[in-house]
């Protein structure tokens, strides 16, 4: 996979990922969740969720006791076909808890995006772990 599709869509997709990372880093539920389609799926080694309500509830649970986070993303590939896109994105994430513990994750997402009402959104996200250091 390479980078294909209209430049306007490529830029809008990059802005979606930047918004997602910013919302996650700030712990802003509305910003972060606003990147997902209502009927989206989010899967990882810990869960397989369907729908915006389940994804939002999991965000709330994950953020319990969190002081702050850092989320860095890098898009590796992007193929756009009409109102659908396939993107591989690497993510480096660290969660800092109020009690001083940390949770480090490094991996990548295989994403399917949809364009609805002129806006790109996450439709199907599968997270693949490369390195995980859970809090002790």
C-alpha atoms as a PDB file:
ATOM      1  CA  UNK A   1       0.000   0.000   0.000  1.00  0.00           C
ATOM      2  CA  UNK A   2       1.173   3.495  -0.748  1.00  0.00           C
ATOM      3  CA  UNK A   3      -0.333   6.950  -0.576  1.00  0.00           C
ATOM      4  CA  UNK A   4      -3.115   7.242  -3.122  1.00  0.00           C
ATOM      5  CA  UNK A   5      -6.188   9.396  -3.559  1.00  0.00           C
ATOM      6  CA  UNK A   6      -7.013  13.083  -3.824  1.00  0.00           C
ATOM      7  CA  UNK A   7      -4.721  15.431  -1.917  1.00  0.00           C
ATOM      8  CA  UNK A   8      -7.695  17.169  -0.299  1.00  0.00           C
ATOM      9  CA  UNK A   9      -8.820  13.855   1.208  1.00  0.00           C
ATOM     10  CA  UNK A  10      -5.286  12.953   2.260  1.00  0.00           C
ATOM     11  CA  UNK A  11      -4.997  16.225   4.159  1.00  0.00           C
ATOM     12  CA  UNK A  12      -8.414  15.767   5.779  1.00  0.00           C
ATOM     13  CA  UNK A  13      -7.436  12.243   6.898  1.00  0.00           C
ATOM     14  CA  UNK A  14      -4.167  13.506   8.364  1.00  0.00           C
ATOM     15  CA  UNK A  15      -6.151  16.126  10.260  1.00  0.00           C
ATOM     16  CA  UNK A  16      -8.444  13.364  11.570  1.00  0.00           C
ATOM     17  CA  UNK A  17      -5.422  11.541  13.007  1.00  0.00           C
ATOM     18  CA  UNK A  18      -4.004  14.763  14.461  1.00  0.00           C
ATOM     19  CA  UNK A  19      -7.358  15.521  16.091  1.00  0.00           C
ATOM     20  CA  UNK A  20      -7.524  11.967  17.475  1.00  0.00           C
ATOM     21  CA  UNK A  21      -3.995  12.232  18.940  1.00  0.00           C
ATOM     22  CA  UNK A  22      -4.681  15.682  20.381  1.00  0.00           C
ATOM     23  CA  UNK A  23      -7.954  14.568  21.962  1.00  0.00           C
ATOM     24  CA  UNK A  24      -6.317  11.467  23.400  1.00  0.00           C
ATOM     25  CA  UNK A  25      -3.334  13.403  24.735  1.00  0.00           C
ATOM     26  CA  UNK A  26      -5.606  15.923  26.419  1.00  0.00           C
ATOM     27  CA  UNK A  27      -8.020  13.264  27.647  1.00  0.00           C
ATOM     28  CA  UNK A  28     -10.804  15.118  25.867  1.00  0.00           C
ATOM     29  CA  UNK A  29     -13.562  12.559  25.394  1.00  0.00           C
ATOM     30  CA  UNK A  30     -15.634  14.683  22.986  1.00  0.00           C
ATOM     31  CA  UNK A  31     -12.700  15.431  20.671  1.00  0.00           C
ATOM     32  CA  UNK A  32     -11.395  11.852  20.707  1.00  0.00           C
ATOM     33  CA  UNK A  33     -14.800  10.182  20.322  1.00  0.00           C
ATOM     34  CA  UNK A  34     -15.787  12.662  17.613  1.00  0.00           C
ATOM     35  CA  UNK A  35     -13.290  10.913  15.321  1.00  0.00           C
ATOM     36  CA  UNK A  36     -15.407   7.720  15.258  1.00  0.00           C
ATOM     37  CA  UNK A  37     -18.447   6.910  13.128  1.00  0.00           C
ATOM     38  CA  UNK A  38     -21.606   6.010  15.089  1.00  0.00           C
ATOM     39  CA  UNK A  39     -21.423   2.427  13.784  1.00  0.00           C
ATOM     40  CA  UNK A  40     -17.671   2.013  14.183  1.00  0.00           C
ATOM     41  CA  UNK A  41     -15.701  -0.945  15.516  1.00  0.00           C
ATOM     42  CA  UNK A  42     -12.577  -0.752  17.704  1.00  0.00           C
ATOM     43  CA  UNK A  43     -10.612  -3.942  18.350  1.00  0.00           C
ATOM     44  CA  UNK A  44      -7.410  -4.630  20.249  1.00  0.00           C
ATOM     45  CA  UNK A  45      -5.744  -7.389  22.246  1.00  0.00           C
ATOM     46  CA  UNK A  46      -7.975  -6.353  25.182  1.00  0.00           C
ATOM     47  CA  UNK A  47     -11.427  -5.920  23.586  1.00  0.00           C
ATOM     48  CA  UNK A  48     -13.543  -5.932  20.434  1.00  0.00           C
ATOM     49  CA  UNK A  49     -16.141  -3.163  20.590  1.00  0.00           C
ATOM     50  CA  UNK A  50     -18.983  -2.276  18.249  1.00  0.00           C
ATOM     51  CA  UNK A  51     -20.695   1.123  18.245  1.00  0.00           C
ATOM     52  CA  UNK A  52     -19.923   4.587  19.534  1.00  0.00           C
ATOM     53  CA  UNK A  53     -21.525   3.990  22.959  1.00  0.00           C
ATOM     54  CA  UNK A  54     -19.342   0.964  23.720  1.00  0.00           C
ATOM     55  CA  UNK A  55     -16.253   2.814  22.493  1.00  0.00           C
ATOM     56  CA  UNK A  56     -17.100   5.855  24.632  1.00  0.00           C
ATOM     57  CA  UNK A  57     -17.685   3.712  27.733  1.00  0.00           C
ATOM     58  CA  UNK A  58     -14.313   2.021  27.229  1.00  0.00           C
ATOM     59  CA  UNK A  59     -12.606   5.409  26.833  1.00  0.00           C
ATOM     60  CA  UNK A  60     -14.176   6.456  30.151  1.00  0.00           C
ATOM     61  CA  UNK A  61     -12.927   3.287  31.859  1.00  0.00           C
ATOM     62  CA  UNK A  62      -9.428   3.614  30.389  1.00  0.00           C
ATOM     63  CA  UNK A  63      -9.151   7.243  31.506  1.00  0.00           C
ATOM     64  CA  UNK A  64     -10.167   6.544  35.119  1.00  0.00           C
ATOM     65  CA  UNK A  65      -7.314   7.656  37.387  1.00  0.00           C
ATOM     66  CA  UNK A  66      -5.305   9.122  34.490  1.00  0.00           C
ATOM     67  CA  UNK A  67      -3.423  12.353  35.126  1.00  0.00           C
ATOM     68  CA  UNK A  68      -2.324  12.877  31.518  1.00  0.00           C
ATOM     69  CA  UNK A  69      -1.312  10.981  28.396  1.00  0.00           C
ATOM     70  CA  UNK A  70       0.861  11.358  25.353  1.00  0.00           C
ATOM     71  CA  UNK A  71      -0.167   9.964  21.991  1.00  0.00           C
ATOM     72  CA  UNK A  72       2.110  10.180  18.955  1.00  0.00           C
ATOM     73  CA  UNK A  73       0.917   8.917  15.595  1.00  0.00           C
ATOM     74  CA  UNK A  74       2.527   8.426  12.206  1.00  0.00           C
ATOM     75  CA  UNK A  75       0.660   7.420   9.084  1.00  0.00           C
ATOM     76  CA  UNK A  76       2.547   4.783   7.122  1.00  0.00           C
ATOM     77  CA  UNK A  77       0.147   4.121   4.264  1.00  0.00           C
ATOM     78  CA  UNK A  78      -3.094   5.565   2.952  1.00  0.00           C
ATOM     79  CA  UNK A  79      -5.268   4.338   0.077  1.00  0.00           C
ATOM     80  CA  UNK A  80      -8.389   6.311  -0.718  1.00  0.00           C
ATOM     81  CA  UNK A  81     -11.140   4.891  -2.924  1.00  0.00           C
ATOM     82  CA  UNK A  82     -14.126   7.222  -3.101  1.00  0.00           C
ATOM     83  CA  UNK A  83     -15.634   7.560   0.373  1.00  0.00           C
ATOM     84  CA  UNK A  84     -13.556   4.757   1.888  1.00  0.00           C
ATOM     85  CA  UNK A  85      -9.913   4.750   2.903  1.00  0.00           C
ATOM     86  CA  UNK A  86      -7.506   2.159   4.284  1.00  0.00           C
ATOM     87  CA  UNK A  87      -4.769   3.510   6.523  1.00  0.00           C
ATOM     88  CA  UNK A  88      -1.945   1.983   8.528  1.00  0.00           C
ATOM     89  CA  UNK A  89      -0.950   4.180  11.432  1.00  0.00           C
ATOM     90  CA  UNK A  90       1.779   3.634  14.011  1.00  0.00           C
ATOM     91  CA  UNK A  91       1.080   4.810  17.536  1.00  0.00           C
ATOM     92  CA  UNK A  92       3.350   5.397  20.518  1.00  0.00           C
ATOM     93  CA  UNK A  93       1.347   6.010  23.663  1.00  0.00           C
ATOM     94  CA  UNK A  94       2.059   6.499  27.343  1.00  0.00           C
ATOM     95  CA  UNK A  95      -0.561   6.892  30.046  1.00  0.00           C
ATOM     96  CA  UNK A  96       0.488   8.602  33.277  1.00  0.00           C
ATOM     97  CA  UNK A  97      -1.676   7.794  36.302  1.00  0.00           C
ATOM     98  CA  UNK A  98      -2.357  10.034  39.279  1.00  0.00           C
ATOM     99  CA  UNK A  99      -0.565   7.517  41.550  1.00  0.00           C
ATOM    100  CA  UNK A 100       2.678   7.742  39.497  1.00  0.00           C
ATOM    101  CA  UNK A 101       2.338   4.517  37.511  1.00  0.00           C
ATOM    102  CA  UNK A 102       2.666   4.482  33.719  1.00  0.00           C
ATOM    103  CA  UNK A 103       1.321   2.292  30.913  1.00  0.00           C
ATOM    104  CA  UNK A 104       3.329   2.221  27.678  1.00  0.00           C
ATOM    105  CA  UNK A 105       2.016   0.900  24.366  1.00  0.00           C
ATOM    106  CA  UNK A 106       3.675   0.745  20.983  1.00  0.00           C
ATOM    107  CA  UNK A 107       1.958  -0.685  17.940  1.00  0.00           C
ATOM    108  CA  UNK A 108      -0.019   0.058  14.831  1.00  0.00           C
ATOM    109  CA  UNK A 109      -3.599   0.381  13.654  1.00  0.00           C
ATOM    110  CA  UNK A 110      -5.040  -1.114  10.505  1.00  0.00           C
ATOM    111  CA  UNK A 111      -7.908   1.294   9.901  1.00  0.00           C
ATOM    112  CA  UNK A 112     -10.847   1.598   7.553  1.00  0.00           C
ATOM    113  CA  UNK A 113     -12.220   5.132   7.312  1.00  0.00           C
ATOM    114  CA  UNK A 114     -15.444   6.420   5.800  1.00  0.00           C
ATOM    115  CA  UNK A 115     -16.331   9.852   4.514  1.00  0.00           C
ATOM    116  CA  UNK A 116     -19.756  10.946   5.733  1.00  0.00           C
ATOM    117  CA  UNK A 117     -21.266  14.366   5.156  1.00  0.00           C
ATOM    118  CA  UNK A 118     -17.882  15.512   3.843  1.00  0.00           C
ATOM    119  CA  UNK A 119     -15.997  14.377   6.965  1.00  0.00           C
ATOM    120  CA  UNK A 120     -13.609  11.438   7.392  1.00  0.00           C
ATOM    121  CA  UNK A 121     -14.250   9.165  10.397  1.00  0.00           C
ATOM    122  CA  UNK A 122     -12.911   5.906  11.813  1.00  0.00           C
ATOM    123  CA  UNK A 123     -15.159   3.000  10.796  1.00  0.00           C
ATOM    124  CA  UNK A 124     -13.116  -0.090  11.694  1.00  0.00           C
ATOM    125  CA  UNK A 125      -9.921   0.010  13.771  1.00  0.00           C
ATOM    126  CA  UNK A 126      -7.739  -2.950  14.657  1.00  0.00           C
ATOM    127  CA  UNK A 127      -4.834  -2.302  17.024  1.00  0.00           C
ATOM    128  CA  UNK A 128      -1.756  -4.542  16.807  1.00  0.00           C
ATOM    129  CA  UNK A 129       0.604  -4.506  19.788  1.00  0.00           C
ATOM    130  CA  UNK A 130       4.364  -4.549  19.289  1.00  0.00           C
ATOM    131  CA  UNK A 131       5.384  -3.625  22.835  1.00  0.00           C
ATOM    132  CA  UNK A 132       3.353  -3.277  25.995  1.00  0.00           C
ATOM    133  CA  UNK A 133       4.545  -2.311  29.464  1.00  0.00           C
ATOM    134  CA  UNK A 134       1.512  -2.405  31.783  1.00  0.00           C
ATOM    135  CA  UNK A 135       1.410  -0.485  35.059  1.00  0.00           C
ATOM    136  CA  UNK A 136       2.663  -2.383  38.095  1.00  0.00           C
END
